[in-house]
Amino acid sequence: MAIRQRTWAWKGRERTAWIVDYSDAKGKRRLKTFRTKRAALDWDAGTRIDLKHGTHVADADSITIEAAGRLWLASCEANGLERSTREQYRQHVELHIKPLIGATKLNKLTLPAVRTFQDRLRESGRSSELTRKLLTSLGSLVADAQERGLTARNPMRERKRRSKATARHKKRWSSAWTIPTPGEIRTLLNAATARWRAFVGTGALAGLRLSELRGLAWLDVDFVAAAITVRQRADAWASLAAQKLPPVAAPSRFRSSL
């Protein structure tokens, strides 16, 4: 690798730039231009390490986040993820990630860029929960591209390490903040119609997931033993999937309190 200064005239004024001349892991000659010598030296030092470890990806070989998103969604489908999961990931990419940073090259996605993306999500009205899910999807997207050799680093992993360090200094999460109390469940049941009363009551008292509630059949309900056997799940498109789980009995404390 070599660093040299380039000088040229433009509109009657002398211009200068610093160029790093190097060969990538495939032996192809590459040139990268910087405004200052310090920036060129810093990039040169980091790139030497990446080349040694075989992780360097030239800017010309990198792709945009939008293109990486298409590859990630194709991988999700090839890996057999459920349709509802794939649809959620597609919405994350098409409605949130692509409009804000879709044109950004993967190699330009730094930790500050991720923080800016997070701030833009919140400023545009996305909830904290949705923002968290979008950042998780972005991390999976970049990880998929990294496995393909399309980017050298995944800034989301560095962000995750920092988030864990920060979380240790925050107040511990309490289940009382999110789990409805028996009184709140009773209010829901009293306000629900006949159909939804059975749906909400079964989910609340037996602890079934939404997909398990959709796939529940009358043969799976044992009224004598007051137990439910979960045999299958159904997604929002009524596609069934077998599931092997032990019988789930309604907690007695909820039965007595409601």
Protein backbone atom coordinates (compact mmCIF):
# COMPACT_ATOMS: atom_id res chain seq x y z
CA MET A 1 0.00 0.00 0.00
CA ALA A 2 1.25 3.46 -0.86
CA ILE A 3 0.05 6.97 0.00
CA ARG A 4 0.75 9.83 -2.37
CA GLN A 5 -0.40 13.38 -2.90
CA ARG A 6 -2.18 14.48 -6.05
CA THR A 7 -2.28 18.09 -7.25
CA TRP A 8 -4.38 19.54 -10.08
CA ALA A 9 -5.88 22.84 -11.21
CA TRP A 10 -9.60 23.48 -11.26
CA LYS A 11 -11.27 26.78 -12.13
CA GLY A 12 -7.96 28.57 -11.85
CA ARG A 13 -7.22 27.22 -8.36
CA GLU A 14 -4.82 24.53 -7.25
CA ARG A 15 -6.46 21.48 -5.66
CA THR A 16 -4.80 18.73 -3.63
CA ALA A 17 -5.86 15.31 -2.40
CA TRP A 18 -4.27 12.26 -0.86
CA ILE A 19 -4.58 8.87 -2.53
CA VAL A 20 -4.14 5.40 -1.04
CA ASP A 21 -2.96 2.99 -3.74
CA TYR A 22 -3.34 -0.66 -2.77
CA SER A 23 -4.33 -4.14 -3.93
CA ASP A 24 -7.34 -5.88 -2.42
CA ALA A 25 -7.52 -9.52 -1.31
CA LYS A 26 -8.17 -10.59 -4.93
CA GLY A 27 -5.06 -8.79 -6.16
CA LYS A 28 -7.05 -6.05 -7.89
CA ARG A 29 -5.59 -2.56 -7.77
CA ARG A 30 -7.68 -0.03 -5.86
CA LEU A 31 -7.47 3.72 -5.35
CA LYS A 32 -9.15 5.67 -2.56
CA THR A 33 -9.02 9.44 -2.28
CA PHE A 34 -9.02 11.59 0.87
CA ARG A 35 -9.00 15.31 1.49
CA THR A 36 -6.31 15.18 4.18
CA LYS A 37 -3.18 13.11 4.77
CA ARG A 38 -4.35 12.22 8.30
CA ALA A 39 -7.58 10.69 6.95
CA ALA A 40 -5.59 8.69 4.41
CA LEU A 41 -3.19 7.42 7.08
CA ASP A 42 -6.02 6.40 9.40
CA TRP A 43 -7.83 4.53 6.65
CA ASP A 44 -4.60 2.89 5.53
CA ALA A 45 -3.89 1.59 9.04
CA GLY A 46 -7.36 0.06 9.43
CA THR A 47 -7.40 -1.41 5.93
CA ARG A 48 -4.07 -3.16 6.45
CA ILE A 49 -5.59 -5.03 9.40
CA ASP A 50 -8.72 -5.91 7.40
CA LEU A 51 -6.63 -7.20 4.50
CA LYS A 52 -4.59 -9.32 6.88
CA HIS A 53 -7.74 -10.88 8.35
CA GLY A 54 -9.40 -11.20 4.95
CA THR A 55 -12.36 -8.98 5.88
CA HIS A 56 -11.73 -5.96 3.64
CA VAL A 57 -14.40 -5.09 1.09
CA ALA A 58 -13.69 -2.32 -1.41
CA ASP A 59 -16.30 0.42 -1.82
CA ALA A 60 -16.84 -0.63 -5.43
CA ASP A 61 -17.72 -4.17 -4.32
CA SER A 62 -20.10 -3.04 -1.60
CA ILE A 63 -23.83 -2.77 -2.28
CA THR A 64 -26.58 -0.52 -0.99
CA ILE A 65 -28.69 -1.36 2.05
CA GLU A 66 -31.71 -1.63 -0.26
CA ALA A 67 -29.99 -4.33 -2.33
CA ALA A 68 -28.80 -6.10 0.80
CA GLY A 69 -32.38 -6.04 2.06
CA ARG A 70 -33.58 -7.92 -1.02
CA LEU A 71 -30.92 -10.58 -0.48
CA TRP A 72 -31.84 -10.89 3.20
CA LEU A 73 -35.54 -11.31 2.45
CA ALA A 74 -34.70 -13.98 -0.12
CA SER A 75 -32.62 -15.79 2.51
CA CYS A 76 -35.52 -15.64 4.97
CA GLU A 77 -37.81 -17.30 2.43
CA ALA A 78 -35.20 -19.91 1.49
CA ASN A 79 -34.69 -20.76 5.17
CA GLY A 80 -38.39 -21.52 5.57
CA LEU A 81 -39.39 -18.71 7.94
CA GLU A 82 -43.11 -18.45 8.56
CA ARG A 83 -45.09 -16.25 6.24
CA SER A 84 -46.10 -13.83 8.98
CA THR A 85 -42.44 -13.39 9.97
CA ARG A 86 -41.36 -12.82 6.37
CA GLU A 87 -44.16 -10.29 5.89
CA GLN A 88 -43.08 -8.40 8.99
CA TYR A 89 -39.46 -8.29 7.78
CA ARG A 90 -40.61 -7.15 4.33
CA GLN A 91 -42.53 -4.27 5.90
CA HIS A 92 -39.48 -3.33 7.97
CA VAL A 93 -37.36 -3.09 4.82
CA GLU A 94 -39.87 -1.52 2.41
CA LEU A 95 -41.64 0.91 4.73
CA HIS A 96 -38.92 1.99 7.15
CA ILE A 97 -35.34 1.00 6.28
CA LYS A 98 -35.41 1.56 2.52
CA PRO A 99 -36.97 5.07 2.56
CA LEU A 100 -34.49 6.40 5.14
CA ILE A 101 -31.15 4.69 4.40
CA GLY A 102 -31.80 2.40 1.44
CA ALA A 103 -29.37 4.28 -0.85
CA THR A 104 -26.50 4.09 1.68
CA LYS A 105 -23.63 1.73 0.86
CA LEU A 106 -23.05 -1.00 3.44
CA ASN A 107 -19.44 0.11 3.89
CA LYS A 108 -20.72 3.58 4.83
CA LEU A 109 -22.99 2.23 7.58
CA THR A 110 -21.05 3.24 10.68
CA LEU A 111 -22.12 3.38 14.32
CA PRO A 112 -22.86 7.15 14.08
CA ALA A 113 -24.91 6.47 10.94
CA VAL A 114 -26.95 3.86 12.82
CA ARG A 115 -27.55 6.35 15.64
CA THR A 116 -28.71 8.94 13.11
CA PHE A 117 -31.07 6.36 11.60
CA GLN A 118 -32.45 5.62 15.08
CA ASP A 119 -33.01 9.32 15.75
CA ARG A 120 -34.79 9.78 12.42
CA LEU A 121 -37.11 6.87 13.19
CA ARG A 122 -38.15 8.43 16.48
CA GLU A 123 -38.47 11.92 15.05
CA SER A 124 -40.78 10.59 12.32
CA GLY A 125 -43.17 9.16 14.92
CA ARG A 126 -42.12 5.51 15.11
CA SER A 127 -42.66 4.05 18.57
CA SER A 128 -39.79 2.90 20.75
CA GLU A 129 -40.86 -0.73 20.33
CA LEU A 130 -41.01 -0.46 16.53
CA THR A 131 -37.66 1.33 16.48
CA ARG A 132 -36.12 -1.51 18.47
CA LYS A 133 -37.50 -4.11 16.05
CA LEU A 134 -36.28 -2.13 13.02
CA LEU A 135 -32.76 -1.92 14.41
CA THR A 136 -32.83 -5.68 15.04
CA SER A 137 -33.90 -6.29 11.43
CA LEU A 138 -31.17 -3.96 10.19
CA GLY A 139 -28.61 -5.93 12.19
CA SER A 140 -29.80 -9.21 10.67
CA LEU A 141 -29.73 -7.64 7.21
CA VAL A 142 -26.11 -6.50 7.62
CA ALA A 143 -25.09 -9.85 9.14
CA ASP A 144 -26.48 -11.65 6.08
CA ALA A 145 -24.52 -9.32 3.78
CA GLN A 146 -21.38 -9.82 5.85
CA GLU A 147 -21.62 -13.60 5.41
CA ARG A 148 -21.81 -12.99 1.66
CA GLY A 149 -18.61 -10.94 1.75
CA LEU A 150 -20.37 -7.70 0.83
CA THR A 151 -19.30 -5.69 3.86
CA ALA A 152 -16.40 -5.87 6.27
CA ARG A 153 -18.06 -4.90 9.55
CA ASN A 154 -21.44 -4.97 11.25
CA PRO A 155 -21.83 -1.80 13.35
CA MET A 156 -24.99 -3.27 14.89
CA ARG A 157 -22.89 -5.75 16.85
CA GLU A 158 -20.81 -2.96 18.34
CA ARG A 159 -24.01 -1.10 19.18
CA LYS A 160 -25.38 -4.23 20.86
CA ARG A 161 -22.30 -4.56 23.05
CA ARG A 162 -22.62 -0.92 24.13
CA SER A 163 -26.34 -1.33 24.79
CA LYS A 164 -25.69 -4.28 27.09
CA ALA A 165 -23.13 -2.27 29.04
CA THR A 166 -25.60 0.60 29.40
CA ALA A 167 -28.46 -1.69 30.41
CA ARG A 168 -26.54 -2.91 33.45
CA HIS A 169 -26.85 0.58 34.93
CA LYS A 170 -30.59 0.85 34.30
CA LYS A 171 -33.44 -0.28 36.52
CA ARG A 172 -34.29 -3.95 36.16
CA TRP A 173 -37.35 -4.84 34.11
CA SER A 174 -40.45 -5.82 36.05
CA SER A 175 -43.15 -8.16 34.72
CA ALA A 176 -45.72 -6.06 36.59
CA TRP A 177 -45.25 -3.32 33.99
CA THR A 178 -46.50 -5.41 31.06
CA ILE A 179 -48.57 -8.39 32.27
CA PRO A 180 -52.28 -7.53 32.75
CA THR A 181 -53.64 -7.99 36.26
CA PRO A 182 -56.68 -10.22 36.93
CA GLY A 183 -58.77 -7.07 37.26
CA GLU A 184 -57.64 -5.80 33.84
CA ILE A 185 -58.38 -9.18 32.28
CA ARG A 186 -61.84 -9.16 33.88
CA THR A 187 -62.48 -5.74 32.34
CA LEU A 188 -61.50 -7.04 28.89
CA LEU A 189 -63.78 -10.06 29.24
CA ASN A 190 -66.74 -7.98 30.39
CA ALA A 191 -66.36 -5.65 27.41
CA ALA A 192 -65.87 -8.41 24.83
CA THR A 193 -68.63 -9.93 22.72
CA ALA A 194 -69.43 -13.65 22.99
CA ARG A 195 -66.96 -14.74 20.31
CA TRP A 196 -64.10 -12.55 21.47
CA ARG A 197 -64.80 -13.30 25.12
CA ALA A 198 -63.95 -16.95 24.50
CA PHE A 199 -60.92 -15.96 22.40
CA VAL A 200 -59.50 -13.45 24.88
CA GLY A 201 -60.36 -15.58 27.91
CA THR A 202 -58.65 -18.68 26.54
CA GLY A 203 -55.55 -16.73 25.59
CA ALA A 204 -55.30 -14.93 28.93
CA LEU A 205 -56.03 -17.87 31.22
CA ALA A 206 -54.22 -20.62 29.32
CA GLY A 207 -51.27 -18.49 28.16
CA LEU A 208 -51.66 -19.39 24.48
CA ARG A 209 -49.98 -17.43 21.71
CA LEU A 210 -52.08 -15.83 19.00
CA SER A 211 -51.07 -18.44 16.41
CA GLU A 212 -51.92 -21.23 18.87
CA LEU A 213 -55.36 -19.72 19.47
CA ARG A 214 -56.03 -19.67 15.73
CA GLY A 215 -55.10 -23.34 15.41
CA LEU A 216 -57.05 -24.52 18.44
CA ALA A 217 -59.74 -27.17 17.76
CA TRP A 218 -62.55 -28.39 19.99
CA LEU A 219 -60.91 -31.84 20.19
CA ASP A 220 -57.93 -30.19 21.89
CA VAL A 221 -60.04 -28.93 24.80
CA ASP A 222 -60.56 -31.27 27.78
CA PHE A 223 -63.36 -29.75 29.83
CA VAL A 224 -63.18 -32.48 32.49
CA ALA A 225 -59.47 -32.02 33.20
CA ALA A 226 -59.64 -28.25 32.51
CA ALA A 227 -56.66 -28.56 30.16
CA ILE A 228 -55.81 -27.59 26.59
CA THR A 229 -53.47 -29.54 24.33
CA VAL A 230 -51.63 -27.41 21.77
CA ARG A 231 -51.25 -29.54 18.63
CA GLN A 232 -50.97 -26.97 15.85
CA ARG A 233 -50.62 -23.31 15.03
CA ALA A 234 -52.22 -21.16 12.33
CA ASP A 235 -50.89 -17.93 10.88
CA ALA A 236 -52.93 -14.94 9.74
CA TRP A 237 -53.48 -16.65 6.36
CA ALA A 238 -54.93 -19.79 8.00
CA SER A 239 -51.89 -21.93 7.16
CA LEU A 240 -51.56 -24.69 9.75
CA ALA A 241 -48.31 -25.99 11.24
CA ALA A 242 -47.93 -28.91 13.63
CA GLN A 243 -46.51 -28.12 17.05
CA LYS A 244 -45.36 -30.50 19.75
CA LEU A 245 -45.95 -29.02 23.18
CA PRO A 246 -47.15 -30.46 26.52
CA PRO A 247 -50.74 -29.76 27.62
CA VAL A 248 -51.27 -26.25 28.94
CA ALA A 249 -53.65 -25.98 31.91
CA ALA A 250 -55.37 -22.75 32.88
CA PRO A 251 -53.75 -21.38 36.07
CA SER A 252 -55.98 -21.97 39.07
CA ARG A 253 -55.34 -18.50 40.49
CA PHE A 254 -56.87 -16.94 37.40
CA ARG A 255 -59.84 -19.31 37.42
CA SER A 256 -60.64 -18.42 41.02
CA SER A 257 -60.09 -14.69 40.66
CA LEU A 258 -62.17 -14.33 37.52
